[in-house]
């Protein structure tokens, strides 16, 4: 699995929606790729920070300014 492929599947992975083969390939890739582990951690942090405020397909894709600032601060301060 490439980094690009992982980035396309990370949301499905976090939702538990991947088939067994894809999940195995993703986990193996994560084991050897610090950049993709960072991406996964950023997705998890986003979910944790937004909680119920996360936009859904049925709602808007625009975040309230307070949530946007919280995310920007969190990612600005994240270790690289």
PDB file of N, CA and C in Angstrom:
ATOM      1  N   UNK A   1       0.852  -1.179   0.000  1.00  0.00           N
ATOM      2  CA  UNK A   1       0.000   0.000   0.000  1.00  0.00           C
ATOM      3  C   UNK A   1       0.891   1.233   0.000  1.00  0.00           C
ATOM      4  N   UNK A   2       0.540   2.210  -0.804  1.00  0.00           N
ATOM      5  CA  UNK A   2       1.292   3.457  -0.851  1.00  0.00           C
ATOM      6  C   UNK A   2       0.706   4.455   0.153  1.00  0.00           C
ATOM      7  N   UNK A   3       1.453   5.512   0.394  1.00  0.00           N
ATOM      8  CA  UNK A   3       0.962   6.569   1.284  1.00  0.00           C
ATOM      9  C   UNK A   3      -0.315   7.191   0.729  1.00  0.00           C
ATOM     10  N   UNK A   4      -0.371   7.389  -0.569  1.00  0.00           N
ATOM     11  CA  UNK A   4      -1.561   7.957  -1.192  1.00  0.00           C
ATOM     12  C   UNK A   4      -2.767   7.057  -0.975  1.00  0.00           C
ATOM     13  N   UNK A   5      -2.589   5.746  -1.171  1.00  0.00           N
ATOM     14  CA  UNK A   5      -3.692   4.801  -0.968  1.00  0.00           C
ATOM     15  C   UNK A   5      -4.155   4.818   0.482  1.00  0.00           C
ATOM     16  N   UNK A   6      -3.206   4.870   1.409  1.00  0.00           N
ATOM     17  CA  UNK A   6      -3.568   4.927   2.823  1.00  0.00           C
ATOM     18  C   UNK A   6      -4.378   6.188   3.116  1.00  0.00           C
ATOM     19  N   UNK A   7      -3.940   7.320   2.594  1.00  0.00           N
ATOM     20  CA  UNK A   7      -4.653   8.580   2.834  1.00  0.00           C
ATOM     21  C   UNK A   7      -6.090   8.505   2.337  1.00  0.00           C
ATOM     22  N   UNK A   8      -6.311   7.783   1.251  1.00  0.00           N
ATOM     23  CA  UNK A   8      -7.663   7.621   0.719  1.00  0.00           C
ATOM     24  C   UNK A   8      -8.529   6.726   1.605  1.00  0.00           C
ATOM     25  N   UNK A   9      -7.902   5.844   2.387  1.00  0.00           N
ATOM     26  CA  UNK A   9      -8.643   4.858   3.182  1.00  0.00           C
ATOM     27  C   UNK A   9      -8.685   5.155   4.675  1.00  0.00           C
ATOM     28  N   UNK A  10      -7.995   6.179   5.130  1.00  0.00           N
ATOM     29  CA  UNK A  10      -7.848   6.399   6.566  1.00  0.00           C
ATOM     30  C   UNK A  10      -9.199   6.607   7.262  1.00  0.00           C
ATOM     31  N   UNK A  11     -10.116   7.303   6.633  1.00  0.00           N
ATOM     32  CA  UNK A  11     -11.424   7.521   7.262  1.00  0.00           C
ATOM     33  C   UNK A  11     -12.189   6.209   7.377  1.00  0.00           C
ATOM     34  N   UNK A  12     -12.169   5.411   6.326  1.00  0.00           N
ATOM     35  CA  UNK A  12     -12.834   4.105   6.380  1.00  0.00           C
ATOM     36  C   UNK A  12     -12.202   3.226   7.451  1.00  0.00           C
ATOM     37  N   UNK A  13     -10.893   3.302   7.591  1.00  0.00           N
ATOM     38  CA  UNK A  13     -10.192   2.538   8.631  1.00  0.00           C
ATOM     39  C   UNK A  13     -10.682   2.943  10.020  1.00  0.00           C
ATOM     40  N   UNK A  14     -10.746   4.237  10.256  1.00  0.00           N
ATOM     41  CA  UNK A  14     -11.191   4.717  11.565  1.00  0.00           C
ATOM     42  C   UNK A  14     -12.656   4.383  11.829  1.00  0.00           C
ATOM     43  N   UNK A  15     -13.435   4.278  10.772  1.00  0.00           N
ATOM     44  CA  UNK A  15     -14.845   3.902  10.907  1.00  0.00           C
ATOM     45  C   UNK A  15     -15.043   2.399  11.030  1.00  0.00           C
ATOM     46  N   UNK A  16     -13.957   1.621  10.878  1.00  0.00           N
ATOM     47  CA  UNK A  16     -14.066   0.161  10.923  1.00  0.00           C
ATOM     48  C   UNK A  16     -14.760  -0.402   9.689  1.00  0.00           C
ATOM     49  N   UNK A  17     -14.643   0.303   8.558  1.00  0.00           N
ATOM     50  CA  UNK A  17     -15.381  -0.070   7.358  1.00  0.00           C
ATOM     51  C   UNK A  17     -14.519  -0.731   6.281  1.00  0.00           C
ATOM     52  N   UNK A  18     -13.258  -1.024   6.583  1.00  0.00           N
ATOM     53  CA  UNK A  18     -12.397  -1.671   5.588  1.00  0.00           C
ATOM     54  C   UNK A  18     -12.585  -3.177   5.613  1.00  0.00           C
ATOM     55  N   UNK A  19     -12.418  -3.796   4.448  1.00  0.00           N
ATOM     56  CA  UNK A  19     -12.396  -5.252   4.417  1.00  0.00           C
ATOM     57  C   UNK A  19     -11.101  -5.726   5.074  1.00  0.00           C
ATOM     58  N   UNK A  20     -11.052  -6.988   5.425  1.00  0.00           N
ATOM     59  CA  UNK A  20      -9.919  -7.528   6.184  1.00  0.00           C
ATOM     60  C   UNK A  20      -8.586  -7.354   5.453  1.00  0.00           C
ATOM     61  N   UNK A  21      -8.563  -7.599   4.158  1.00  0.00           N
ATOM     62  CA  UNK A  21      -7.318  -7.478   3.386  1.00  0.00           C
ATOM     63  C   UNK A  21      -6.820  -6.033   3.384  1.00  0.00           C
ATOM     64  N   UNK A  22      -7.709  -5.092   3.115  1.00  0.00           N
ATOM     65  CA  UNK A  22      -7.307  -3.684   3.075  1.00  0.00           C
ATOM     66  C   UNK A  22      -6.820  -3.211   4.434  1.00  0.00           C
ATOM     67  N   UNK A  23      -7.502  -3.645   5.484  1.00  0.00           N
ATOM     68  CA  UNK A  23      -7.082  -3.251   6.827  1.00  0.00           C
ATOM     69  C   UNK A  23      -5.698  -3.807   7.145  1.00  0.00           C
ATOM     70  N   UNK A  24      -5.445  -5.040   6.776  1.00  0.00           N
ATOM     71  CA  UNK A  24      -4.132  -5.646   7.013  1.00  0.00           C
ATOM     72  C   UNK A  24      -3.043  -4.882   6.268  1.00  0.00           C
ATOM     73  N   UNK A  25      -3.288  -4.567   5.004  1.00  0.00           N
ATOM     74  CA  UNK A  25      -2.301  -3.808   4.222  1.00  0.00           C
ATOM     75  C   UNK A  25      -2.066  -2.430   4.835  1.00  0.00           C
ATOM     76  N   UNK A  26      -3.114  -1.791   5.295  1.00  0.00           N
ATOM     77  CA  UNK A  26      -2.994  -0.473   5.911  1.00  0.00           C
ATOM     78  C   UNK A  26      -2.171  -0.550   7.195  1.00  0.00           C
ATOM     79  N   UNK A  27      -2.452  -1.525   8.038  1.00  0.00           N
ATOM     80  CA  UNK A  27      -1.732  -1.680   9.307  1.00  0.00           C
ATOM     81  C   UNK A  27      -0.255  -1.981   9.060  1.00  0.00           C
ATOM     82  N   UNK A  28       0.032  -2.822   8.083  1.00  0.00           N
ATOM     83  CA  UNK A  28       1.427  -3.128   7.748  1.00  0.00           C
ATOM     84  C   UNK A  28       2.135  -1.858   7.273  1.00  0.00           C
ATOM     85  N   UNK A  29       1.460  -1.079   6.439  1.00  0.00           N
ATOM     86  CA  UNK A  29       2.052   0.171   5.966  1.00  0.00           C
ATOM     87  C   UNK A  29       2.310   1.121   7.130  1.00  0.00           C
ATOM     88  N   UNK A  30       1.347   1.250   8.028  1.00  0.00           N
ATOM     89  CA  UNK A  30       1.510   2.134   9.185  1.00  0.00           C
ATOM     90  C   UNK A  30       2.720   1.744  10.025  1.00  0.00           C
ATOM     91  N   UNK A  31       2.953   0.455  10.127  1.00  0.00           N
ATOM     92  CA  UNK A  31       4.069  -0.039  10.931  1.00  0.00           C
ATOM     93  C   UNK A  31       5.417   0.488  10.436  1.00  0.00           C
ATOM     94  N   UNK A  32       5.515   0.727   9.127  1.00  0.00           N
ATOM     95  CA  UNK A  32       6.793   1.163   8.582  1.00  0.00           C
ATOM     96  C   UNK A  32       6.827   2.599   8.085  1.00  0.00           C
ATOM     97  N   UNK A  33       5.762   3.363   8.334  1.00  0.00           N
ATOM     98  CA  UNK A  33       5.709   4.707   7.756  1.00  0.00           C
ATOM     99  C   UNK A  33       5.331   5.759   8.801  1.00  0.00           C
ATOM    100  N   UNK A  34       6.317   6.456   9.338  1.00  0.00           N
ATOM    101  CA  UNK A  34       6.035   7.489  10.341  1.00  0.00           C
ATOM    102  C   UNK A  34       5.117   8.603   9.821  1.00  0.00           C
ATOM    103  N   UNK A  35       5.231   8.960   8.556  1.00  0.00           N
ATOM    104  CA  UNK A  35       4.387  10.025   8.003  1.00  0.00           C
ATOM    105  C   UNK A  35       2.913   9.629   8.018  1.00  0.00           C
ATOM    106  N   UNK A  36       2.631   8.384   7.687  1.00  0.00           N
ATOM    107  CA  UNK A  36       1.237   7.930   7.695  1.00  0.00           C
ATOM    108  C   UNK A  36       0.710   7.745   9.116  1.00  0.00           C
ATOM    109  N   UNK A  37       1.584   7.379  10.037  1.00  0.00           N
ATOM    110  CA  UNK A  37       1.157   7.326  11.445  1.00  0.00           C
ATOM    111  C   UNK A  37       0.773   8.723  11.917  1.00  0.00           C
ATOM    112  N   UNK A  38       1.527   9.730  11.486  1.00  0.00           N
ATOM    113  CA  UNK A  38       1.199  11.115  11.831  1.00  0.00           C
ATOM    114  C   UNK A  38      -0.155  11.498  11.235  1.00  0.00           C
ATOM    115  N   UNK A  39      -0.376  11.133   9.979  1.00  0.00           N
ATOM    116  CA  UNK A  39      -1.664  11.409   9.337  1.00  0.00           C
ATOM    117  C   UNK A  39      -2.808  10.772  10.119  1.00  0.00           C
ATOM    118  N   UNK A  40      -2.645   9.518  10.498  1.00  0.00           N
ATOM    119  CA  UNK A  40      -3.671   8.822  11.269  1.00  0.00           C
ATOM    120  C   UNK A  40      -3.903   9.520  12.608  1.00  0.00           C
ATOM    121  N   UNK A  41      -2.832   9.895  13.272  1.00  0.00           N
ATOM    122  CA  UNK A  41      -2.961  10.609  14.548  1.00  0.00           C
ATOM    123  C   UNK A  41      -3.691  11.931  14.366  1.00  0.00           C
ATOM    124  N   UNK A  42      -3.434  12.633  13.266  1.00  0.00           N
ATOM    125  CA  UNK A  42      -4.116  13.902  13.005  1.00  0.00           C
ATOM    126  C   UNK A  42      -5.610  13.685  12.788  1.00  0.00           C
ATOM    127  N   UNK A  43      -5.961  12.626  12.088  1.00  0.00           N
ATOM    128  CA  UNK A  43      -7.383  12.315  11.902  1.00  0.00           C
ATOM    129  C   UNK A  43      -8.043  11.998  13.245  1.00  0.00           C
ATOM    130  N   UNK A  44      -7.371  11.207  14.053  1.00  0.00           N
ATOM    131  CA  UNK A  44      -7.926  10.881  15.378  1.00  0.00           C
ATOM    132  C   UNK A  44      -8.086  12.132  16.232  1.00  0.00           C
ATOM    133  N   UNK A  45      -7.098  13.012  16.180  1.00  0.00           N
ATOM    134  CA  UNK A  45      -7.157  14.246  16.957  1.00  0.00           C
ATOM    135  C   UNK A  45      -8.296  15.142  16.466  1.00  0.00           C
ATOM    136  N   UNK A  46      -8.482  15.196  15.173  1.00  0.00           N
ATOM    137  CA  UNK A  46      -9.577  15.986  14.609  1.00  0.00           C
ATOM    138  C   UNK A  46     -10.923  15.468  15.103  1.00  0.00           C
ATOM    139  N   UNK A  47     -11.093  14.167  15.062  1.00  0.00           N
ATOM    140  CA  UNK A  47     -12.337  13.555  15.523  1.00  0.00           C
ATOM    141  C   UNK A  47     -12.552  13.852  17.003  1.00  0.00           C
ATOM    142  N   UNK A  48     -11.482  13.723  17.792  1.00  0.00           N
ATOM    143  CA  UNK A  48     -11.594  13.975  19.233  1.00  0.00           C
ATOM    144  C   UNK A  48     -11.937  15.431  19.503  1.00  0.00           C
ATOM    145  N   UNK A  49     -11.298  16.356  18.785  1.00  0.00           N
ATOM    146  CA  UNK A  49     -11.540  17.777  19.021  1.00  0.00           C
ATOM    147  C   UNK A  49     -12.931  18.213  18.580  1.00  0.00           C
ATOM    148  N   UNK A  50     -13.389  17.680  17.474  1.00  0.00           N
ATOM    149  CA  UNK A  50     -14.688  18.104  16.959  1.00  0.00           C
ATOM    150  C   UNK A  50     -15.852  17.402  17.626  1.00  0.00           C
ATOM    151  N   UNK A  51     -15.670  16.132  17.934  1.00  0.00           N
ATOM    152  CA  UNK A  51     -16.752  15.380  18.550  1.00  0.00           C
ATOM    153  C   UNK A  51     -18.057  15.574  17.800  1.00  0.00           C
ATOM    154  N   UNK A  52     -19.098  15.921  18.496  1.00  0.00           N
ATOM    155  CA  UNK A  52     -20.406  16.066  17.847  1.00  0.00           C
ATOM    156  C   UNK A  52     -20.504  17.283  16.931  1.00  0.00           C
ATOM    157  N   UNK A  53     -19.519  18.148  16.951  1.00  0.00           N
ATOM    158  CA  UNK A  53     -19.566  19.343  16.107  1.00  0.00           C
ATOM    159  C   UNK A  53     -19.076  19.074  14.693  1.00  0.00           C
ATOM    160  N   UNK A  54     -18.553  17.870  14.435  1.00  0.00           N
ATOM    161  CA  UNK A  54     -18.031  17.559  13.109  1.00  0.00           C
ATOM    162  C   UNK A  54     -19.141  17.669  12.077  1.00  0.00           C
ATOM    163  N   UNK A  55     -18.857  18.319  10.962  1.00  0.00           N
ATOM    164  CA  UNK A  55     -19.886  18.431   9.927  1.00  0.00           C
ATOM    165  C   UNK A  55     -20.191  17.073   9.326  1.00  0.00           C
ATOM    166  N   UNK A  56     -21.414  16.869   8.940  1.00  0.00           N
ATOM    167  CA  UNK A  56     -21.807  15.630   8.271  1.00  0.00           C
ATOM    168  C   UNK A  56     -22.195  15.968   6.844  1.00  0.00           C
ATOM    169  N   UNK A  57     -22.306  14.948   6.018  1.00  0.00           N
ATOM    170  CA  UNK A  57     -22.687  15.180   4.626  1.00  0.00           C
ATOM    171  C   UNK A  57     -24.059  15.840   4.536  1.00  0.00           C
ATOM    172  N   UNK A  58     -24.914  15.564   5.510  1.00  0.00           N
ATOM    173  CA  UNK A  58     -26.264  16.125   5.487  1.00  0.00           C
ATOM    174  C   UNK A  58     -26.291  17.568   5.967  1.00  0.00           C
ATOM    175  N   UNK A  59     -25.212  18.010   6.603  1.00  0.00           N
ATOM    176  CA  UNK A  59     -25.194  19.377   7.112  1.00  0.00           C
ATOM    177  C   UNK A  59     -24.253  20.220   6.281  1.00  0.00           C
ATOM    178  N   UNK A  60     -23.569  21.096   6.924  1.00  0.00           N
ATOM    179  CA  UNK A  60     -22.650  21.989   6.222  1.00  0.00           C
ATOM    180  C   UNK A  60     -21.221  21.489   6.357  1.00  0.00           C
ATOM    181  N   UNK A  61     -20.365  21.913   5.481  1.00  0.00           N
ATOM    182  CA  UNK A  61     -18.948  21.553   5.592  1.00  0.00           C
ATOM    183  C   UNK A  61     -18.150  22.690   6.205  1.00  0.00           C
ATOM    184  N   UNK A  62     -18.826  23.730   6.632  1.00  0.00           N
ATOM    185  CA  UNK A  62     -18.165  24.878   7.239  1.00  0.00           C
ATOM    186  C   UNK A  62     -18.152  24.711   8.752  1.00  0.00           C
ATOM    187  N   UNK A  63     -16.982  24.864   9.339  1.00  0.00           N
ATOM    188  CA  UNK A  63     -16.851  24.772  10.789  1.00  0.00           C
ATOM    189  C   UNK A  63     -17.104  26.126  11.421  1.00  0.00           C
ATOM    190  N   UNK A  64     -17.626  26.089  12.631  1.00  0.00           N
ATOM    191  CA  UNK A  64     -17.748  27.318  13.406  1.00  0.00           C
ATOM    192  C   UNK A  64     -16.334  27.833  13.674  1.00  0.00           C
ATOM    193  N   UNK A  65     -16.152  29.134  13.730  1.00  0.00           N
ATOM    194  CA  UNK A  65     -14.808  29.703  13.932  1.00  0.00           C
ATOM    195  C   UNK A  65     -14.068  29.139  15.143  1.00  0.00           C
ATOM    196  N   UNK A  66     -14.763  28.888  16.234  1.00  0.00           N
ATOM    197  CA  UNK A  66     -14.097  28.371  17.438  1.00  0.00           C
ATOM    198  C   UNK A  66     -13.503  26.981  17.186  1.00  0.00           C
ATOM    199  N   UNK A  67     -14.234  26.127  16.469  1.00  0.00           N
ATOM    200  CA  UNK A  67     -13.723  24.793  16.170  1.00  0.00           C
ATOM    201  C   UNK A  67     -12.552  24.873  15.193  1.00  0.00           C
ATOM    202  N   UNK A  68     -12.674  25.748  14.213  1.00  0.00           N
ATOM    203  CA  UNK A  68     -11.595  25.922  13.246  1.00  0.00           C
ATOM    204  C   UNK A  68     -10.321  26.367  13.950  1.00  0.00           C
ATOM    205  N   UNK A  69     -10.420  27.310  14.852  1.00  0.00           N
ATOM    206  CA  UNK A  69      -9.250  27.794  15.593  1.00  0.00           C
ATOM    207  C   UNK A  69      -8.659  26.702  16.473  1.00  0.00           C
ATOM    208  N   UNK A  70      -9.515  25.902  17.115  1.00  0.00           N
ATOM    209  CA  UNK A  70      -9.022  24.803  17.961  1.00  0.00           C
ATOM    210  C   UNK A  70      -8.225  23.806  17.131  1.00  0.00           C
ATOM    211  N   UNK A  71      -8.714  23.491  15.937  1.00  0.00           N
ATOM    212  CA  UNK A  71      -7.990  22.567  15.067  1.00  0.00           C
ATOM    213  C   UNK A  71      -6.670  23.162  14.588  1.00  0.00           C
ATOM    214  N   UNK A  72      -6.710  24.403  14.153  1.00  0.00           N
ATOM    215  CA  UNK A  72      -5.481  25.042  13.680  1.00  0.00           C
ATOM    216  C   UNK A  72      -4.430  25.099  14.784  1.00  0.00           C
ATOM    217  N   UNK A  73      -4.840  25.423  15.989  1.00  0.00           N
ATOM    218  CA  UNK A  73      -3.915  25.473  17.113  1.00  0.00           C
ATOM    219  C   UNK A  73      -3.336  24.097  17.402  1.00  0.00           C
ATOM    220  N   UNK A  74      -4.197  23.087  17.421  1.00  0.00           N
ATOM    221  CA  UNK A  74      -3.747  21.719  17.708  1.00  0.00           C
ATOM    222  C   UNK A  74      -2.727  21.245  16.685  1.00  0.00           C
ATOM    223  N   UNK A  75      -2.989  21.498  15.406  1.00  0.00           N
ATOM    224  CA  UNK A  75      -2.069  21.030  14.382  1.00  0.00           C
ATOM    225  C   UNK A  75      -0.826  21.886  14.287  1.00  0.00           C
ATOM    226  N   UNK A  76      -0.942  23.147  14.599  1.00  0.00           N
ATOM    227  CA  UNK A  76       0.235  24.032  14.609  1.00  0.00           C
ATOM    228  C   UNK A  76       1.213  23.584  15.686  1.00  0.00           C
ATOM    229  N   UNK A  77       0.674  23.143  16.822  1.00  0.00           N
ATOM    230  CA  UNK A  77       1.485  22.764  17.964  1.00  0.00           C
ATOM    231  C   UNK A  77       1.896  21.295  17.960  1.00  0.00           C
ATOM    232  N   UNK A  78       1.400  20.525  16.985  1.00  0.00           N
ATOM    233  CA  UNK A  78       1.688  19.090  16.942  1.00  0.00           C
ATOM    234  C   UNK A  78       3.163  18.866  16.615  1.00  0.00           C
ATOM    235  N   UNK A  79       3.774  17.847  17.232  1.00  0.00           N
ATOM    236  CA  UNK A  79       5.171  17.527  16.903  1.00  0.00           C
ATOM    237  C   UNK A  79       5.274  17.064  15.454  1.00  0.00           C
ATOM    238  N   UNK A  80       6.349  17.384  14.832  1.00  0.00           N
ATOM    239  CA  UNK A  80       6.562  16.991  13.425  1.00  0.00           C
ATOM    240  C   UNK A  80       7.680  16.005  13.321  1.00  0.00           C
TER     241      UNK A  80
END
